[in-house]
Amino acid sequence: MIVICYERDGDDFKDPMYLLSTDVELNAEAVISYYKNRWSIETNYKYPKSNLVFDEYKV
């Protein structure tokens, strides 16, 4: 499944975001919800990798 999300900026639309899911049973709201949860995890890992040089370590 491919979900295309647009954010409105007044009367204009910002660039689209494409979310892909291999689970075709999910609806668009579920895909967006899972992505939002996953995104917070990814951003939490970005700081240590970028600023504390943890990108060299494998866990």
PDB file of N, CA and C in Angstrom:
ATOM      1  N   MET A   1       0.840  -1.160   0.000  1.00  0.00           N
ATOM      2  CA  MET A   1       0.000   0.000   0.000  1.00  0.00           C
ATOM      3  C   MET A   1       0.889   1.228   0.000  1.00  0.00           C
ATOM      4  N   ILE A   2       0.489   2.234  -0.743  1.00  0.00           N
ATOM      5  CA  ILE A   2       1.178   3.517  -0.767  1.00  0.00           C
ATOM      6  C   ILE A   2       0.203   4.580  -0.276  1.00  0.00           C
ATOM      7  N   VAL A   3       0.634   5.351   0.719  1.00  0.00           N
ATOM      8  CA  VAL A   3      -0.172   6.455   1.233  1.00  0.00           C
ATOM      9  C   VAL A   3       0.554   7.733   0.865  1.00  0.00           C
ATOM     10  N   ILE A   4      -0.148   8.656   0.232  1.00  0.00           N
ATOM     11  CA  ILE A   4       0.424   9.950  -0.128  1.00  0.00           C
ATOM     12  C   ILE A   4      -0.213  10.996   0.764  1.00  0.00           C
ATOM     13  N   CYS A   5       0.614  11.702   1.543  1.00  0.00           N
ATOM     14  CA  CYS A   5       0.135  12.700   2.503  1.00  0.00           C
ATOM     15  C   CYS A   5       0.562  14.084   2.043  1.00  0.00           C
ATOM     16  N   TYR A   6      -0.352  15.014   2.130  1.00  0.00           N
ATOM     17  CA  TYR A   6      -0.067  16.407   1.812  1.00  0.00           C
ATOM     18  C   TYR A   6      -0.390  17.251   3.027  1.00  0.00           C
ATOM     19  N   GLU A   7       0.459  18.227   3.311  1.00  0.00           N
ATOM     20  CA  GLU A   7       0.176  19.183   4.373  1.00  0.00           C
ATOM     21  C   GLU A   7      -0.268  20.480   3.723  1.00  0.00           C
ATOM     22  N   ARG A   8      -1.374  21.009   4.204  1.00  0.00           N
ATOM     23  CA  ARG A   8      -1.880  22.267   3.656  1.00  0.00           C
ATOM     24  C   ARG A   8      -1.190  23.443   4.318  1.00  0.00           C
ATOM     25  N   ASP A   9      -0.892  24.433   3.518  1.00  0.00           N
ATOM     26  CA  ASP A   9      -0.319  25.687   3.999  1.00  0.00           C
ATOM     27  C   ASP A   9      -1.196  26.804   3.438  1.00  0.00           C
ATOM     28  N   GLY A  10      -2.280  27.083   4.143  1.00  0.00           N
ATOM     29  CA  GLY A  10      -3.254  28.046   3.613  1.00  0.00           C
ATOM     30  C   GLY A  10      -3.991  27.409   2.451  1.00  0.00           C
ATOM     31  N   ASP A  11      -3.920  28.045   1.281  1.00  0.00           N
ATOM     32  CA  ASP A  11      -4.551  27.495   0.081  1.00  0.00           C
ATOM     33  C   ASP A  11      -3.602  26.606  -0.709  1.00  0.00           C
ATOM     34  N   ASP A  12      -2.341  26.551  -0.309  1.00  0.00           N
ATOM     35  CA  ASP A  12      -1.334  25.765  -1.024  1.00  0.00           C
ATOM     36  C   ASP A  12      -1.078  24.449  -0.305  1.00  0.00           C
ATOM     37  N   PHE A  13      -0.452  23.531  -1.026  1.00  0.00           N
ATOM     38  CA  PHE A  13      -0.037  22.259  -0.457  1.00  0.00           C
ATOM     39  C   PHE A  13       1.482  22.204  -0.414  1.00  0.00           C
ATOM     40  N   LYS A  14       2.018  21.662   0.681  1.00  0.00           N
ATOM     41  CA  LYS A  14       3.466  21.438   0.745  1.00  0.00           C
ATOM     42  C   LYS A  14       3.801  20.180  -0.050  1.00  0.00           C
ATOM     43  N   ASP A  15       5.091  19.900  -0.186  1.00  0.00           N
ATOM     44  CA  ASP A  15       5.505  18.703  -0.928  1.00  0.00           C
ATOM     45  C   ASP A  15       4.910  17.452  -0.292  1.00  0.00           C
ATOM     46  N   PRO A  16       4.532  16.476  -1.117  1.00  0.00           N
ATOM     47  CA  PRO A  16       3.913  15.264  -0.567  1.00  0.00           C
ATOM     48  C   PRO A  16       4.924  14.371   0.142  1.00  0.00           C
ATOM     49  N   MET A  17       4.410  13.553   1.053  1.00  0.00           N
ATOM     50  CA  MET A  17       5.190  12.540   1.741  1.00  0.00           C
ATOM     51  C   MET A  17       4.599  11.192   1.336  1.00  0.00           C
ATOM     52  N   TYR A  18       5.444  10.270   0.946  1.00  0.00           N
ATOM     53  CA  TYR A  18       4.985   8.950   0.506  1.00  0.00           C
ATOM     54  C   TYR A  18       5.333   7.920   1.574  1.00  0.00           C
ATOM     55  N   LEU A  19       4.338   7.210   2.055  1.00  0.00           N
ATOM     56  CA  LEU A  19       4.541   6.167   3.045  1.00  0.00           C
ATOM     57  C   LEU A  19       4.202   4.834   2.398  1.00  0.00           C
ATOM     58  N   LEU A  20       5.088   3.864   2.552  1.00  0.00           N
ATOM     59  CA  LEU A  20       4.895   2.545   1.964  1.00  0.00           C
ATOM     60  C   LEU A  20       4.662   1.514   3.052  1.00  0.00           C
ATOM     61  N   SER A  21       3.755   0.589   2.789  1.00  0.00           N
ATOM     62  CA  SER A  21       3.493  -0.493   3.721  1.00  0.00           C
ATOM     63  C   SER A  21       3.331  -1.784   2.939  1.00  0.00           C
ATOM     64  N   THR A  22       3.947  -2.840   3.425  1.00  0.00           N
ATOM     65  CA  THR A  22       3.780  -4.145   2.779  1.00  0.00           C
ATOM     66  C   THR A  22       2.554  -4.874   3.313  1.00  0.00           C
ATOM     67  N   ASP A  23       1.948  -4.344   4.379  1.00  0.00           N
ATOM     68  CA  ASP A  23       0.748  -4.946   4.947  1.00  0.00           C
ATOM     69  C   ASP A  23      -0.474  -4.333   4.263  1.00  0.00           C
ATOM     70  N   VAL A  24      -1.033  -5.029   3.304  1.00  0.00           N
ATOM     71  CA  VAL A  24      -2.153  -4.481   2.538  1.00  0.00           C
ATOM     72  C   VAL A  24      -3.457  -4.501   3.323  1.00  0.00           C
ATOM     73  N   GLU A  25      -3.459  -5.106   4.500  1.00  0.00           N
ATOM     74  CA  GLU A  25      -4.656  -5.141   5.342  1.00  0.00           C
ATOM     75  C   GLU A  25      -4.844  -3.829   6.114  1.00  0.00           C
ATOM     76  N   LEU A  26      -3.783  -3.026   6.227  1.00  0.00           N
ATOM     77  CA  LEU A  26      -3.874  -1.772   6.976  1.00  0.00           C
ATOM     78  C   LEU A  26      -4.574  -0.701   6.155  1.00  0.00           C
ATOM     79  N   ASN A  27      -5.312   0.171   6.851  1.00  0.00           N
ATOM     80  CA  ASN A  27      -5.881   1.321   6.162  1.00  0.00           C
ATOM     81  C   ASN A  27      -4.901   2.496   6.263  1.00  0.00           C
ATOM     82  N   ALA A  28      -5.212   3.587   5.604  1.00  0.00           N
ATOM     83  CA  ALA A  28      -4.285   4.726   5.542  1.00  0.00           C
ATOM     84  C   ALA A  28      -4.021   5.306   6.930  1.00  0.00           C
ATOM     85  N   GLU A  29      -5.048   5.383   7.785  1.00  0.00           N
ATOM     86  CA  GLU A  29      -4.867   5.943   9.120  1.00  0.00           C
ATOM     87  C   GLU A  29      -3.896   5.108   9.945  1.00  0.00           C
ATOM     88  N   ALA A  30      -3.968   3.789   9.821  1.00  0.00           N
ATOM     89  CA  ALA A  30      -3.060   2.910  10.568  1.00  0.00           C
ATOM     90  C   ALA A  30      -1.620   3.080  10.080  1.00  0.00           C
ATOM     91  N   VAL A  31      -1.431   3.178   8.776  1.00  0.00           N
ATOM     92  CA  VAL A  31      -0.083   3.364   8.225  1.00  0.00           C
ATOM     93  C   VAL A  31       0.512   4.667   8.750  1.00  0.00           C
ATOM     94  N   ILE A  32      -0.269   5.738   8.759  1.00  0.00           N
ATOM     95  CA  ILE A  32       0.210   7.026   9.254  1.00  0.00           C
ATOM     96  C   ILE A  32       0.525   6.942  10.740  1.00  0.00           C
ATOM     97  N   SER A  33      -0.328   6.279  11.502  1.00  0.00           N
ATOM     98  CA  SER A  33      -0.099   6.126  12.940  1.00  0.00           C
ATOM     99  C   SER A  33       1.189   5.365  13.224  1.00  0.00           C
ATOM    100  N   TYR A  34       1.411   4.260  12.519  1.00  0.00           N
ATOM    101  CA  TYR A  34       2.640   3.483  12.706  1.00  0.00           C
ATOM    102  C   TYR A  34       3.866   4.302  12.314  1.00  0.00           C
ATOM    103  N   TYR A  35       3.752   5.070  11.236  1.00  0.00           N
ATOM    104  CA  TYR A  35       4.871   5.884  10.792  1.00  0.00           C
ATOM    105  C   TYR A  35       5.216   6.939  11.842  1.00  0.00           C
ATOM    106  N   LYS A  36       4.192   7.584  12.415  1.00  0.00           N
ATOM    107  CA  LYS A  36       4.444   8.603  13.436  1.00  0.00           C
ATOM    108  C   LYS A  36       5.158   8.008  14.640  1.00  0.00           C
ATOM    109  N   ASN A  37       4.767   6.815  15.051  1.00  0.00           N
ATOM    110  CA  ASN A  37       5.442   6.160  16.169  1.00  0.00           C
ATOM    111  C   ASN A  37       6.879   5.802  15.804  1.00  0.00           C
ATOM    112  N   ARG A  38       7.078   5.288  14.621  1.00  0.00           N
ATOM    113  CA  ARG A  38       8.412   4.891  14.170  1.00  0.00           C
ATOM    114  C   ARG A  38       9.324   6.112  14.029  1.00  0.00           C
ATOM    115  N   TRP A  39       8.769   7.224  13.564  1.00  0.00           N
ATOM    116  CA  TRP A  39       9.567   8.425  13.351  1.00  0.00           C
ATOM    117  C   TRP A  39      10.161   8.930  14.661  1.00  0.00           C
ATOM    118  N   SER A  40       9.394   8.867  15.751  1.00  0.00           N
ATOM    119  CA  SER A  40       9.929   9.326  17.035  1.00  0.00           C
ATOM    120  C   SER A  40      11.089   8.436  17.486  1.00  0.00           C
ATOM    121  N   ILE A  41      11.027   7.154  17.194  1.00  0.00           N
ATOM    122  CA  ILE A  41      12.133   6.244  17.520  1.00  0.00           C
ATOM    123  C   ILE A  41      13.374   6.615  16.711  1.00  0.00           C
ATOM    124  N   GLU A  42      13.185   6.845  15.423  1.00  0.00           N
ATOM    125  CA  GLU A  42      14.316   7.182  14.550  1.00  0.00           C
ATOM    126  C   GLU A  42      14.983   8.490  14.970  1.00  0.00           C
ATOM    127  N   THR A  43      14.181   9.496  15.331  1.00  0.00           N
ATOM    128  CA  THR A  43      14.783  10.770  15.728  1.00  0.00           C
ATOM    129  C   THR A  43      15.504  10.645  17.064  1.00  0.00           C
ATOM    130  N   ASN A  44      15.042   9.735  17.934  1.00  0.00           N
ATOM    131  CA  ASN A  44      15.752   9.509  19.194  1.00  0.00           C
ATOM    132  C   ASN A  44      17.116   8.862  18.967  1.00  0.00           C
ATOM    133  N   TYR A  45      17.257   8.068  17.937  1.00  0.00           N
ATOM    134  CA  TYR A  45      18.548   7.454  17.615  1.00  0.00           C
ATOM    135  C   TYR A  45      19.474   8.410  16.868  1.00  0.00           C
ATOM    136  N   LYS A  46      18.905   9.391  16.209  1.00  0.00           N
ATOM    137  CA  LYS A  46      19.721  10.288  15.393  1.00  0.00           C
ATOM    138  C   LYS A  46      20.680  11.120  16.244  1.00  0.00           C
ATOM    139  N   TYR A  47      20.213  11.624  17.386  1.00  0.00           N
ATOM    140  CA  TYR A  47      21.065  12.475  18.214  1.00  0.00           C
ATOM    141  C   TYR A  47      22.332  11.755  18.663  1.00  0.00           C
ATOM    142  N   PRO A  48      22.236  10.560  19.284  1.00  0.00           N
ATOM    143  CA  PRO A  48      23.483   9.891  19.704  1.00  0.00           C
ATOM    144  C   PRO A  48      24.407   9.562  18.524  1.00  0.00           C
ATOM    145  N   LYS A  49      23.822   9.193  17.402  1.00  0.00           N
ATOM    146  CA  LYS A  49      24.657   8.865  16.248  1.00  0.00           C
ATOM    147  C   LYS A  49      25.360  10.101  15.703  1.00  0.00           C
ATOM    148  N   SER A  50      24.657  11.208  15.659  1.00  0.00           N
ATOM    149  CA  SER A  50      25.218  12.425  15.068  1.00  0.00           C
ATOM    150  C   SER A  50      26.150  13.172  16.014  1.00  0.00           C
ATOM    151  N   ASN A  51      25.762  13.275  17.271  1.00  0.00           N
ATOM    152  CA  ASN A  51      26.484  14.146  18.190  1.00  0.00           C
ATOM    153  C   ASN A  51      27.415  13.425  19.153  1.00  0.00           C
ATOM    154  N   LEU A  52      27.181  12.164  19.404  1.00  0.00           N
ATOM    155  CA  LEU A  52      28.007  11.433  20.368  1.00  0.00           C
ATOM    156  C   LEU A  52      28.859  10.352  19.710  1.00  0.00           C
ATOM    157  N   VAL A  53      28.907  10.345  18.401  1.00  0.00           N
ATOM    158  CA  VAL A  53      29.725   9.446  17.587  1.00  0.00           C
ATOM    159  C   VAL A  53      29.391   7.967  17.856  1.00  0.00           C
ATOM    160  N   PHE A  54      28.132   7.676  18.099  1.00  0.00           N
ATOM    161  CA  PHE A  54      27.718   6.292  18.288  1.00  0.00           C
ATOM    162  C   PHE A  54      27.419   5.593  16.964  1.00  0.00           C
ATOM    163  N   ASP A  55      27.601   6.265  15.859  1.00  0.00           N
ATOM    164  CA  ASP A  55      27.346   5.632  14.561  1.00  0.00           C
ATOM    165  C   ASP A  55      28.370   4.542  14.250  1.00  0.00           C
ATOM    166  N   GLU A  56      29.471   4.510  14.972  1.00  0.00           N
ATOM    167  CA  GLU A  56      30.506   3.501  14.763  1.00  0.00           C
ATOM    168  C   GLU A  56      30.187   2.186  15.476  1.00  0.00           C
ATOM    169  N   TYR A  57      29.267   2.225  16.443  1.00  0.00           N
ATOM    170  CA  TYR A  57      28.986   1.050  17.267  1.00  0.00           C
ATOM    171  C   TYR A  57      27.803   0.262  16.736  1.00  0.00           C
ATOM    172  N   LYS A  58      27.882  -1.056  16.843  1.00  0.00           N
ATOM    173  CA  LYS A  58      26.784  -1.951  16.440  1.00  0.00           C
ATOM    174  C   LYS A  58      26.225  -2.582  17.687  1.00  0.00           C
ATOM    175  N   VAL A  59      24.906  -2.643  17.766  1.00  0.00           N
ATOM    176  CA  VAL A  59      24.264  -3.228  18.939  1.00  0.00           C
ATOM    177  C   VAL A  59      23.455  -4.441  18.520  1.00  0.00           C
TER     178      VAL A  59
END
